Amino acid sequence: MSVTARRDHLLGEWIRQAEGCDLRSIRSFADFLRQDIDAVTAGLTLSYSSGVVEGHLCRIKLLKRACTAARPSHSFERGFSPRRGADPRAETQLG
């Protein structure tokens, strides 16, 4: 069954076949689909898609991770407040 073909009438038969499968993960997935069959059917039949939004969110998260990884680690980022005029890169500060 192809998801892009939007053949919701085949979903029930696919779930029945999957429940008889030897693989536990397939049976578990079929059980999960059956628990929210209305939402799954709507996802197969409606023309709405959040694919574009998901793509933008993925891109934003990737940029955030890249920016966070490039940032240098300073002592004040670990919960220490540097004194006024003190070098925030210093490992130890007395005060």
Protein backbone atom coordinates (compact mmCIF):
# COMPACT_ATOMS: atom_id res chain seq x y z
CA MET A 1 0.00 0.00 0.00
CA SER A 2 1.41 3.36 -1.01
CA VAL A 3 0.79 6.27 1.33
CA THR A 4 0.99 8.74 -1.54
CA ALA A 5 -1.78 6.88 -3.39
CA ARG A 6 -4.15 7.74 -0.50
CA ARG A 7 -5.92 4.37 -0.49
CA ASP A 8 -7.49 4.51 2.94
CA HIS A 9 -9.86 1.66 2.09
CA LEU A 10 -6.84 -0.71 2.17
CA LEU A 11 -5.71 0.39 5.63
CA GLY A 12 -7.96 -1.98 7.59
CA GLU A 13 -6.79 -4.98 5.60
CA TRP A 14 -3.14 -3.94 5.99
CA ILE A 15 -3.57 -3.65 9.77
CA ARG A 16 -5.19 -7.10 9.93
CA GLN A 17 -2.29 -8.61 7.96
CA ALA A 18 0.28 -6.77 10.09
CA GLU A 19 -1.29 -8.06 13.29
CA GLY A 20 -0.64 -11.60 12.04
CA CYS A 21 2.99 -10.85 11.18
CA ASP A 22 5.84 -12.71 12.91
CA LEU A 23 7.73 -9.48 13.61
CA ARG A 24 6.78 -7.93 16.95
CA SER A 25 7.62 -4.40 15.77
CA ILE A 26 5.15 -4.65 12.86
CA ARG A 27 2.42 -5.96 15.17
CA SER A 28 3.13 -3.12 17.61
CA PHE A 29 2.94 -0.55 14.81
CA ALA A 30 -0.37 -1.99 13.62
CA ASP A 31 -1.73 -1.78 17.17
CA PHE A 32 -0.58 1.85 17.39
CA LEU A 33 -2.38 2.66 14.11
CA ARG A 34 -5.56 1.00 15.30
CA GLN A 35 -5.55 3.06 18.54
CA ASP A 36 -5.93 6.32 16.58
CA ILE A 37 -7.49 5.07 13.37
CA ASP A 38 -9.43 8.30 12.77
CA ALA A 39 -6.27 10.41 12.70
CA VAL A 40 -4.45 7.88 10.51
CA THR A 41 -7.35 7.77 8.06
CA ALA A 42 -7.49 11.57 7.95
CA GLY A 43 -3.76 11.68 7.27
CA LEU A 44 -4.19 9.30 4.36
CA THR A 45 -7.22 10.96 2.83
CA LEU A 46 -6.89 14.71 3.37
CA SER A 47 -4.80 16.80 1.02
CA TYR A 48 -3.34 18.92 3.84
CA SER A 49 0.34 18.50 4.62
CA SER A 50 2.70 19.95 7.20
CA GLY A 51 5.75 18.88 5.20
CA VAL A 52 6.86 22.42 4.36
CA VAL A 53 6.57 23.55 7.98
CA GLU A 54 8.46 20.47 9.20
CA GLY A 55 11.22 21.23 6.69
CA HIS A 56 11.58 24.78 8.01
CA LEU A 57 11.65 23.56 11.63
CA CYS A 58 14.34 21.03 10.77
CA ARG A 59 16.43 23.74 9.10
CA ILE A 60 16.05 26.08 12.09
CA LYS A 61 17.09 23.33 14.53
CA LEU A 62 20.11 22.52 12.37
CA LEU A 63 21.18 26.18 12.36
CA LYS A 64 20.68 26.41 16.13
CA ARG A 65 22.84 23.33 16.71
CA ALA A 66 25.54 24.70 14.42
CA CYS A 67 25.57 28.06 16.22
CA THR A 68 25.62 26.46 19.67
CA ALA A 69 28.52 24.17 18.74
CA ALA A 70 30.59 27.07 17.39
CA ARG A 71 30.22 29.17 20.55
CA PRO A 72 33.24 29.18 22.90
CA SER A 73 32.72 27.89 26.42
CA HIS A 74 33.24 30.52 29.16
CA SER A 75 33.11 30.17 32.91
CA PHE A 76 30.02 32.41 33.16
CA GLU A 77 28.11 29.96 30.95
CA ARG A 78 28.63 27.27 33.57
CA GLY A 79 26.72 29.24 36.19
CA PHE A 80 29.46 31.54 37.52
CA SER A 81 29.00 35.30 37.45
CA PRO A 82 32.26 37.10 36.66
CA ARG A 83 33.20 40.20 38.64
CA ARG A 84 32.97 43.53 36.86
CA GLY A 85 36.13 44.00 34.82
CA ALA A 86 37.21 40.39 35.32
CA ASP A 87 38.22 38.26 32.35
CA PRO A 88 35.31 35.85 31.73
CA ARG A 89 37.74 33.31 30.22
CA ALA A 90 39.73 32.97 33.45
CA GLU A 91 39.40 29.52 34.96
CA THR A 92 39.38 30.69 38.57
CA GLN A 93 38.30 33.98 40.02
CA LEU A 94 38.65 34.95 43.64
CA GLY A 95 36.19 37.26 45.11
